[in-house]
């Protein structure tokens, strides 16, 4: 079993997990996102509001 050195572990890579990881990393914390799916992120991150906002911007 490998050991990892991080300050914060975020469970789930959806919109809340993404926001939490970004905030923590911005504060200088070593942050890891743990996602059980084959892709990181849910509907909002991959196909929903995040891509839509980027296109509108």
PDB file of N, CA and C in Angstrom:
ATOM      1  N   UNK A   1       0.838  -1.168   0.000  1.00  0.00           N
ATOM      2  CA  UNK A   1       0.000   0.000   0.000  1.00  0.00           C
ATOM      3  C   UNK A   1       0.890   1.242   0.000  1.00  0.00           C
ATOM      4  N   UNK A   2       0.590   2.186  -0.901  1.00  0.00           N
ATOM      5  CA  UNK A   2       1.371   3.419  -0.981  1.00  0.00           C
ATOM      6  C   UNK A   2       0.819   4.458  -0.022  1.00  0.00           C
ATOM      7  N   UNK A   3       1.717   5.307   0.451  1.00  0.00           N
ATOM      8  CA  UNK A   3       1.300   6.424   1.302  1.00  0.00           C
ATOM      9  C   UNK A   3       1.379   7.708   0.501  1.00  0.00           C
ATOM     10  N   UNK A   4       0.451   8.596   0.749  1.00  0.00           N
ATOM     11  CA  UNK A   4       0.401   9.881   0.072  1.00  0.00           C
ATOM     12  C   UNK A   4       0.502  10.984   1.111  1.00  0.00           C
ATOM     13  N   UNK A   5       1.172  12.056   0.746  1.00  0.00           N
ATOM     14  CA  UNK A   5       1.329  13.197   1.645  1.00  0.00           C
ATOM     15  C   UNK A   5       0.474  14.346   1.129  1.00  0.00           C
ATOM     16  N   UNK A   6      -0.651  14.599   1.801  1.00  0.00           N
ATOM     17  CA  UNK A   6      -1.519  15.702   1.397  1.00  0.00           C
ATOM     18  C   UNK A   6      -2.139  16.314   2.647  1.00  0.00           C
ATOM     19  N   UNK A   7      -2.602  17.547   2.508  1.00  0.00           N
ATOM     20  CA  UNK A   7      -3.258  18.241   3.619  1.00  0.00           C
ATOM     21  C   UNK A   7      -4.762  18.003   3.618  1.00  0.00           C
ATOM     22  N   UNK A   8      -5.344  17.901   2.418  1.00  0.00           N
ATOM     23  CA  UNK A   8      -6.793  17.772   2.281  1.00  0.00           C
ATOM     24  C   UNK A   8      -7.107  16.711   1.244  1.00  0.00           C
ATOM     25  N   UNK A   9      -8.077  15.857   1.548  1.00  0.00           N
ATOM     26  CA  UNK A   9      -8.574  14.876   0.580  1.00  0.00           C
ATOM     27  C   UNK A   9     -10.036  15.200   0.308  1.00  0.00           C
ATOM     28  N   UNK A  10     -10.358  15.438  -0.953  1.00  0.00           N
ATOM     29  CA  UNK A  10     -11.729  15.739  -1.371  1.00  0.00           C
ATOM     30  C   UNK A  10     -12.327  14.464  -1.951  1.00  0.00           C
ATOM     31  N   UNK A  11     -13.481  14.054  -1.426  1.00  0.00           N
ATOM     32  CA  UNK A  11     -14.166  12.863  -1.926  1.00  0.00           C
ATOM     33  C   UNK A  11     -15.220  13.290  -2.937  1.00  0.00           C
ATOM     34  N   UNK A  12     -14.994  12.975  -4.193  1.00  0.00           N
ATOM     35  CA  UNK A  12     -15.931  13.315  -5.258  1.00  0.00           C
ATOM     36  C   UNK A  12     -15.461  14.511  -6.060  1.00  0.00           C
ATOM     37  N   UNK A  13     -15.502  14.369  -7.370  1.00  0.00           N
ATOM     38  CA  UNK A  13     -15.011  15.420  -8.243  1.00  0.00           C
ATOM     39  C   UNK A  13     -16.108  16.200  -8.941  1.00  0.00           C
ATOM     40  N   UNK A  14     -17.276  16.283  -8.329  1.00  0.00           N
ATOM     41  CA  UNK A  14     -18.351  17.076  -8.908  1.00  0.00           C
ATOM     42  C   UNK A  14     -18.113  18.565  -8.669  1.00  0.00           C
ATOM     43  N   UNK A  15     -19.152  19.359  -8.840  1.00  0.00           N
ATOM     44  CA  UNK A  15     -18.984  20.809  -8.735  1.00  0.00           C
ATOM     45  C   UNK A  15     -18.550  21.244  -7.341  1.00  0.00           C
ATOM     46  N   UNK A  16     -19.067  20.632  -6.298  1.00  0.00           N
ATOM     47  CA  UNK A  16     -18.667  20.988  -4.930  1.00  0.00           C
ATOM     48  C   UNK A  16     -17.234  20.544  -4.654  1.00  0.00           C
ATOM     49  N   UNK A  17     -16.876  19.348  -5.100  1.00  0.00           N
ATOM     50  CA  UNK A  17     -15.510  18.867  -4.920  1.00  0.00           C
ATOM     51  C   UNK A  17     -14.508  19.713  -5.677  1.00  0.00           C
ATOM     52  N   UNK A  18     -14.877  20.104  -6.883  1.00  0.00           N
ATOM     53  CA  UNK A  18     -14.018  20.968  -7.703  1.00  0.00           C
ATOM     54  C   UNK A  18     -13.788  22.301  -7.000  1.00  0.00           C
ATOM     55  N   UNK A  19     -14.863  22.914  -6.496  1.00  0.00           N
ATOM     56  CA  UNK A  19     -14.752  24.203  -5.814  1.00  0.00           C
ATOM     57  C   UNK A  19     -13.910  24.085  -4.548  1.00  0.00           C
ATOM     58  N   UNK A  20     -14.126  23.026  -3.791  1.00  0.00           N
ATOM     59  CA  UNK A  20     -13.354  22.824  -2.560  1.00  0.00           C
ATOM     60  C   UNK A  20     -11.875  22.621  -2.861  1.00  0.00           C
ATOM     61  N   UNK A  21     -11.567  21.806  -3.852  1.00  0.00           N
ATOM     62  CA  UNK A  21     -10.171  21.548  -4.213  1.00  0.00           C
ATOM     63  C   UNK A  21      -9.487  22.814  -4.699  1.00  0.00           C
ATOM     64  N   UNK A  22     -10.191  23.591  -5.500  1.00  0.00           N
ATOM     65  CA  UNK A  22      -9.613  24.835  -6.019  1.00  0.00           C
ATOM     66  C   UNK A  22      -9.342  25.826  -4.890  1.00  0.00           C
ATOM     67  N   UNK A  23     -10.282  25.943  -3.972  1.00  0.00           N
ATOM     68  CA  UNK A  23     -10.110  26.850  -2.831  1.00  0.00           C
ATOM     69  C   UNK A  23      -8.942  26.417  -1.960  1.00  0.00           C
ATOM     70  N   UNK A  24      -8.893  25.129  -1.634  1.00  0.00           N
ATOM     71  CA  UNK A  24      -7.818  24.612  -0.774  1.00  0.00           C
ATOM     72  C   UNK A  24      -6.452  24.758  -1.430  1.00  0.00           C
ATOM     73  N   UNK A  25      -6.362  24.426  -2.708  1.00  0.00           N
ATOM     74  CA  UNK A  25      -5.098  24.556  -3.430  1.00  0.00           C
ATOM     75  C   UNK A  25      -4.676  26.024  -3.510  1.00  0.00           C
ATOM     76  N   UNK A  26      -5.649  26.918  -3.660  1.00  0.00           N
ATOM     77  CA  UNK A  26      -5.361  28.341  -3.699  1.00  0.00           C
ATOM     78  C   UNK A  26      -4.806  28.864  -2.388  1.00  0.00           C
ATOM     79  N   UNK A  27      -5.127  28.170  -1.293  1.00  0.00           N
ATOM     80  CA  UNK A  27      -4.606  28.531   0.028  1.00  0.00           C
ATOM     81  C   UNK A  27      -3.247  27.890   0.304  1.00  0.00           C
ATOM     82  N   UNK A  28      -2.728  27.165  -0.704  1.00  0.00           N
ATOM     83  CA  UNK A  28      -1.414  26.554  -0.555  1.00  0.00           C
ATOM     84  C   UNK A  28      -1.411  25.171   0.079  1.00  0.00           C
ATOM     85  N   UNK A  29      -2.579  24.573   0.200  1.00  0.00           N
ATOM     86  CA  UNK A  29      -2.665  23.234   0.781  1.00  0.00           C
ATOM     87  C   UNK A  29      -2.453  22.180  -0.300  1.00  0.00           C
ATOM     88  N   UNK A  30      -1.771  21.103   0.062  1.00  0.00           N
ATOM     89  CA  UNK A  30      -1.625  19.966  -0.855  1.00  0.00           C
ATOM     90  C   UNK A  30      -2.960  19.246  -0.873  1.00  0.00           C
ATOM     91  N   UNK A  31      -3.590  19.233  -2.054  1.00  0.00           N
ATOM     92  CA  UNK A  31      -4.968  18.759  -2.180  1.00  0.00           C
ATOM     93  C   UNK A  31      -5.044  17.605  -3.165  1.00  0.00           C
ATOM     94  N   UNK A  32      -5.840  16.604  -2.815  1.00  0.00           N
ATOM     95  CA  UNK A  32      -6.069  15.473  -3.708  1.00  0.00           C
ATOM     96  C   UNK A  32      -7.578  15.268  -3.840  1.00  0.00           C
ATOM     97  N   UNK A  33      -8.025  14.938  -5.066  1.00  0.00           N
ATOM     98  CA  UNK A  33      -9.430  14.623  -5.313  1.00  0.00           C
ATOM     99  C   UNK A  33      -9.534  13.127  -5.547  1.00  0.00           C
ATOM    100  N   UNK A  34     -10.417  12.478  -4.802  1.00  0.00           N
ATOM    101  CA  UNK A  34     -10.634  11.037  -4.935  1.00  0.00           C
ATOM    102  C   UNK A  34     -11.995  10.837  -5.581  1.00  0.00           C
ATOM    103  N   UNK A  35     -11.984  10.253  -6.774  1.00  0.00           N
ATOM    104  CA  UNK A  35     -13.203  10.048  -7.547  1.00  0.00           C
ATOM    105  C   UNK A  35     -13.306   8.575  -7.904  1.00  0.00           C
ATOM    106  N   UNK A  36     -14.454   7.972  -7.638  1.00  0.00           N
ATOM    107  CA  UNK A  36     -14.630   6.554  -7.891  1.00  0.00           C
ATOM    108  C   UNK A  36     -15.008   6.210  -9.310  1.00  0.00           C
ATOM    109  N   UNK A  37     -15.462   7.204 -10.076  1.00  0.00           N
ATOM    110  CA  UNK A  37     -15.892   6.959 -11.445  1.00  0.00           C
ATOM    111  C   UNK A  37     -14.718   6.883 -12.400  1.00  0.00           C
ATOM    112  N   UNK A  38     -15.022   6.547 -13.632  1.00  0.00           N
ATOM    113  CA  UNK A  38     -13.956   6.439 -14.630  1.00  0.00           C
ATOM    114  C   UNK A  38     -13.465   7.812 -15.084  1.00  0.00           C
ATOM    115  N   UNK A  39     -14.291   8.850 -14.908  1.00  0.00           N
ATOM    116  CA  UNK A  39     -13.903  10.218 -15.244  1.00  0.00           C
ATOM    117  C   UNK A  39     -14.072  11.086 -14.008  1.00  0.00           C
ATOM    118  N   UNK A  40     -13.200  12.078 -13.859  1.00  0.00           N
ATOM    119  CA  UNK A  40     -13.369  13.015 -12.743  1.00  0.00           C
ATOM    120  C   UNK A  40     -14.453  14.000 -13.108  1.00  0.00           C
ATOM    121  N   UNK A  41     -15.354  14.210 -12.195  1.00  0.00           N
ATOM    122  CA  UNK A  41     -16.420  15.186 -12.392  1.00  0.00           C
ATOM    123  C   UNK A  41     -17.730  14.541 -12.756  1.00  0.00           C
ATOM    124  N   UNK A  42     -18.765  15.251 -12.443  1.00  0.00           N
ATOM    125  CA  UNK A  42     -20.103  14.782 -12.775  1.00  0.00           C
ATOM    126  C   UNK A  42     -20.644  15.553 -13.959  1.00  0.00           C
ATOM    127  N   UNK A  43     -21.953  15.575 -14.064  1.00  0.00           N
ATOM    128  CA  UNK A  43     -22.617  16.241 -15.178  1.00  0.00           C
ATOM    129  C   UNK A  43     -22.227  17.714 -15.280  1.00  0.00           C
ATOM    130  N   UNK A  44     -22.205  18.412 -14.155  1.00  0.00           N
ATOM    131  CA  UNK A  44     -21.924  19.851 -14.175  1.00  0.00           C
ATOM    132  C   UNK A  44     -20.514  20.138 -14.713  1.00  0.00           C
ATOM    133  N   UNK A  45     -19.534  19.409 -14.257  1.00  0.00           N
ATOM    134  CA  UNK A  45     -18.143  19.655 -14.651  1.00  0.00           C
ATOM    135  C   UNK A  45     -17.893  19.236 -16.100  1.00  0.00           C
ATOM    136  N   UNK A  46     -18.411  18.091 -16.512  1.00  0.00           N
ATOM    137  CA  UNK A  46     -18.078  17.547 -17.828  1.00  0.00           C
ATOM    138  C   UNK A  46     -18.956  18.059 -18.966  1.00  0.00           C
ATOM    139  N   UNK A  47     -20.271  18.187 -18.728  1.00  0.00           N
ATOM    140  CA  UNK A  47     -21.179  18.492 -19.841  1.00  0.00           C
ATOM    141  C   UNK A  47     -22.187  19.589 -19.527  1.00  0.00           C
ATOM    142  N   UNK A  48     -22.232  20.072 -18.311  1.00  0.00           N
ATOM    143  CA  UNK A  48     -23.294  20.997 -17.911  1.00  0.00           C
ATOM    144  C   UNK A  48     -22.846  22.429 -17.786  1.00  0.00           C
ATOM    145  N   UNK A  49     -22.997  22.955 -16.569  1.00  0.00           N
ATOM    146  CA  UNK A  49     -22.842  24.398 -16.373  1.00  0.00           C
ATOM    147  C   UNK A  49     -21.403  24.902 -16.562  1.00  0.00           C
ATOM    148  N   UNK A  50     -20.389  24.140 -16.211  1.00  0.00           N
ATOM    149  CA  UNK A  50     -19.021  24.626 -16.358  1.00  0.00           C
ATOM    150  C   UNK A  50     -18.651  24.853 -17.838  1.00  0.00           C
ATOM    151  N   UNK A  51     -18.855  23.883 -18.729  1.00  0.00           N
ATOM    152  CA  UNK A  51     -18.559  24.142 -20.141  1.00  0.00           C
ATOM    153  C   UNK A  51     -19.443  25.239 -20.727  1.00  0.00           C
ATOM    154  N   UNK A  52     -20.718  25.296 -20.297  1.00  0.00           N
ATOM    155  CA  UNK A  52     -21.622  26.328 -20.807  1.00  0.00           C
ATOM    156  C   UNK A  52     -21.120  27.717 -20.421  1.00  0.00           C
ATOM    157  N   UNK A  53     -20.697  27.882 -19.168  1.00  0.00           N
ATOM    158  CA  UNK A  53     -20.190  29.184 -18.722  1.00  0.00           C
ATOM    159  C   UNK A  53     -18.935  29.563 -19.498  1.00  0.00           C
ATOM    160  N   UNK A  54     -18.081  28.614 -19.768  1.00  0.00           N
ATOM    161  CA  UNK A  54     -16.852  28.894 -20.509  1.00  0.00           C
ATOM    162  C   UNK A  54     -17.195  29.345 -21.938  1.00  0.00           C
ATOM    163  N   UNK A  55     -18.178  28.690 -22.560  1.00  0.00           N
ATOM    164  CA  UNK A  55     -18.576  29.077 -23.918  1.00  0.00           C
ATOM    165  C   UNK A  55     -19.237  30.459 -23.935  1.00  0.00           C
ATOM    166  N   UNK A  56     -20.052  30.746 -22.924  1.00  0.00           N
ATOM    167  CA  UNK A  56     -20.722  32.047 -22.866  1.00  0.00           C
ATOM    168  C   UNK A  56     -19.719  33.161 -22.611  1.00  0.00           C
ATOM    169  N   UNK A  57     -18.691  32.859 -21.820  1.00  0.00           N
ATOM    170  CA  UNK A  57     -17.671  33.863 -21.521  1.00  0.00           C
ATOM    171  C   UNK A  57     -16.912  34.223 -22.775  1.00  0.00           C
TER     172      UNK A  57
END
